[in-house]
Amino acid sequence: MADSLESIGGVPVFVCGAEGEVVANDRDAVDLIAGAYSVEASWVLVPVERLEPDFFVLRSGVAGQVLGKFADYRMGLVVVGDVSGWVAESDALRDLLRESNRGRQAWFVADRAEAEGRLAAVGAALNR
């Protein structure tokens, strides 16, 4: 599946296919954000396979770079997929993901259905 714009719960989302450029640094994050802006999306949905494995090794700094760019550009990020293996190896990563999931900027969800549910809540809040 190629990257495309979808409306999920009334929210314009730039949905990234599993195949495509790997997000390995802040420049790659900016490329995704630019793609989202070009189709007037307010969120980016990225399969976990598109993230460089070092993203989940916090000392590498990749997660900080990527999440920082999404925050700088006020673009929401949803990472979809199983991250349990990385979380089992790092309490710090578990804490980061838990805090992210409490916020409104970046979420880490297990599957597309969970992403759709969270985005539908965003859409409902926007339409109040």
Protein backbone atom coordinates (compact mmCIF):
# COMPACT_ATOMS: atom_id res chain seq x y z
CA MET A 1 0.00 0.00 0.00
CA ALA A 2 1.34 3.42 -0.93
CA ASP A 3 1.14 6.43 1.38
CA SER A 4 -2.27 8.08 1.07
CA LEU A 5 -4.72 10.49 2.64
CA GLU A 6 -7.65 8.96 4.54
CA SER A 7 -10.38 10.41 6.67
CA ILE A 8 -10.50 8.46 9.93
CA GLY A 9 -13.25 9.52 12.29
CA GLY A 10 -13.48 12.79 10.43
CA VAL A 11 -9.76 13.48 10.87
CA PRO A 12 -7.50 13.84 7.81
CA VAL A 13 -4.71 11.29 8.25
CA PHE A 14 -1.64 10.67 6.10
CA VAL A 15 -1.49 6.88 6.20
CA CYS A 16 1.90 5.37 5.44
CA GLY A 17 2.16 1.96 3.90
CA ALA A 18 4.42 -0.68 5.44
CA GLU A 19 6.73 -0.40 2.44
CA GLY A 20 8.55 2.86 2.04
CA GLU A 21 11.38 4.92 3.36
CA VAL A 22 12.42 4.08 6.90
CA VAL A 23 12.21 6.93 9.40
CA ALA A 24 15.70 7.03 10.85
CA ASN A 25 16.22 10.67 11.86
CA ASP A 26 14.68 14.13 12.09
CA ARG A 27 15.07 14.75 8.33
CA ASP A 28 13.01 11.65 7.59
CA ALA A 29 10.39 12.85 10.06
CA VAL A 30 10.24 16.22 8.28
CA ASP A 31 9.74 14.40 4.97
CA LEU A 32 6.71 12.58 6.43
CA ILE A 33 5.36 15.79 7.88
CA ALA A 34 5.79 17.55 4.52
CA GLY A 35 3.89 14.72 2.84
CA ALA A 36 1.10 15.12 5.36
CA TYR A 37 0.96 18.89 4.92
CA SER A 38 0.88 18.48 1.14
CA VAL A 39 -2.43 16.60 1.41
CA GLU A 40 -3.71 18.75 4.31
CA ALA A 41 -3.55 15.97 6.89
CA SER A 42 -3.31 16.74 10.59
CA TRP A 43 -2.06 13.30 11.67
CA VAL A 44 0.42 10.75 10.31
CA LEU A 45 -0.17 7.02 10.82
CA VAL A 46 3.06 5.02 10.52
CA PRO A 47 3.45 1.25 10.77
CA VAL A 48 6.13 0.27 13.25
CA GLU A 49 8.02 -1.39 10.37
CA ARG A 50 8.74 2.06 8.93
CA LEU A 51 10.68 3.13 12.02
CA GLU A 52 14.41 2.51 12.31
CA PRO A 53 14.95 -0.07 15.09
CA ASP A 54 17.18 2.48 16.86
CA PHE A 55 14.02 4.55 17.40
CA PHE A 56 13.24 2.14 20.25
CA VAL A 57 16.73 2.43 21.78
CA LEU A 58 16.30 5.74 23.59
CA ARG A 59 20.02 6.39 24.05
CA SER A 60 20.33 6.56 20.25
CA GLY A 61 18.36 9.80 20.23
CA VAL A 62 16.26 8.81 17.21
CA ALA A 63 12.95 8.81 19.11
CA GLY A 64 13.69 12.24 20.55
CA GLN A 65 14.54 13.64 17.11
CA VAL A 66 11.46 12.21 15.43
CA LEU A 67 8.98 13.00 18.19
CA GLY A 68 10.48 16.47 18.53
CA LYS A 69 9.89 17.27 14.87
CA PHE A 70 6.27 16.15 15.07
CA ALA A 71 5.81 18.38 18.13
CA ASP A 72 7.61 21.31 16.46
CA TYR A 73 5.32 21.13 13.44
CA ARG A 74 2.21 20.39 15.53
CA MET A 75 1.53 17.23 13.55
CA GLY A 76 0.03 14.23 15.31
CA LEU A 77 1.75 10.86 15.02
CA VAL A 78 0.26 7.40 15.45
CA VAL A 79 2.67 4.45 15.41
CA VAL A 80 0.82 1.21 14.72
CA GLY A 81 2.21 -2.20 15.56
CA ASP A 82 3.69 -4.46 18.18
CA VAL A 83 6.41 -2.77 20.23
CA SER A 84 6.23 -5.20 23.15
CA GLY A 85 9.67 -6.69 22.47
CA TRP A 86 11.37 -3.31 22.77
CA VAL A 87 9.25 -2.29 25.76
CA ALA A 88 10.19 -5.51 27.59
CA GLU A 89 13.84 -4.51 27.29
CA SER A 90 13.52 -0.90 28.46
CA ASP A 91 11.66 0.63 31.39
CA ALA A 92 12.48 4.08 30.02
CA LEU A 93 10.85 3.24 26.69
CA ARG A 94 7.80 1.83 28.45
CA ASP A 95 7.51 5.09 30.41
CA LEU A 96 7.91 7.22 27.25
CA LEU A 97 5.21 5.29 25.41
CA ARG A 98 2.85 5.42 28.39
CA GLU A 99 3.26 9.19 28.69
CA SER A 100 2.90 9.68 24.93
CA ASN A 101 -0.32 7.69 24.91
CA ARG A 102 -1.74 9.94 27.63
CA GLY A 103 -1.15 13.01 25.48
CA ARG A 104 -2.49 14.39 22.23
CA GLN A 105 0.65 14.45 20.08
CA ALA A 106 2.03 10.93 19.59
CA TRP A 107 0.42 7.57 20.24
CA PHE A 108 1.69 4.02 20.05
CA VAL A 109 -1.13 1.58 19.38
CA ALA A 110 -1.29 -2.15 18.79
CA ASP A 111 -3.41 -2.16 15.65
CA ARG A 112 -5.37 -0.13 13.13
CA ALA A 113 -8.64 -0.56 15.06
CA GLU A 114 -7.13 1.08 18.14
CA ALA A 115 -5.77 3.92 16.00
CA GLU A 116 -9.18 4.45 14.43
CA GLY A 117 -10.84 4.58 17.85
CA ARG A 118 -8.43 7.19 19.16
CA LEU A 119 -8.68 9.29 15.99
CA ALA A 120 -12.49 9.08 16.08
CA ALA A 121 -12.34 10.62 19.56
CA VAL A 122 -10.21 13.45 18.15
CA GLY A 123 -12.72 13.95 15.34
CA ALA A 124 -15.63 14.01 17.78
CA ALA A 125 -13.87 16.63 19.91
CA LEU A 126 -13.24 18.78 16.85
CA ASN A 127 -16.89 18.66 15.85
CA ARG A 128 -18.32 19.78 19.18
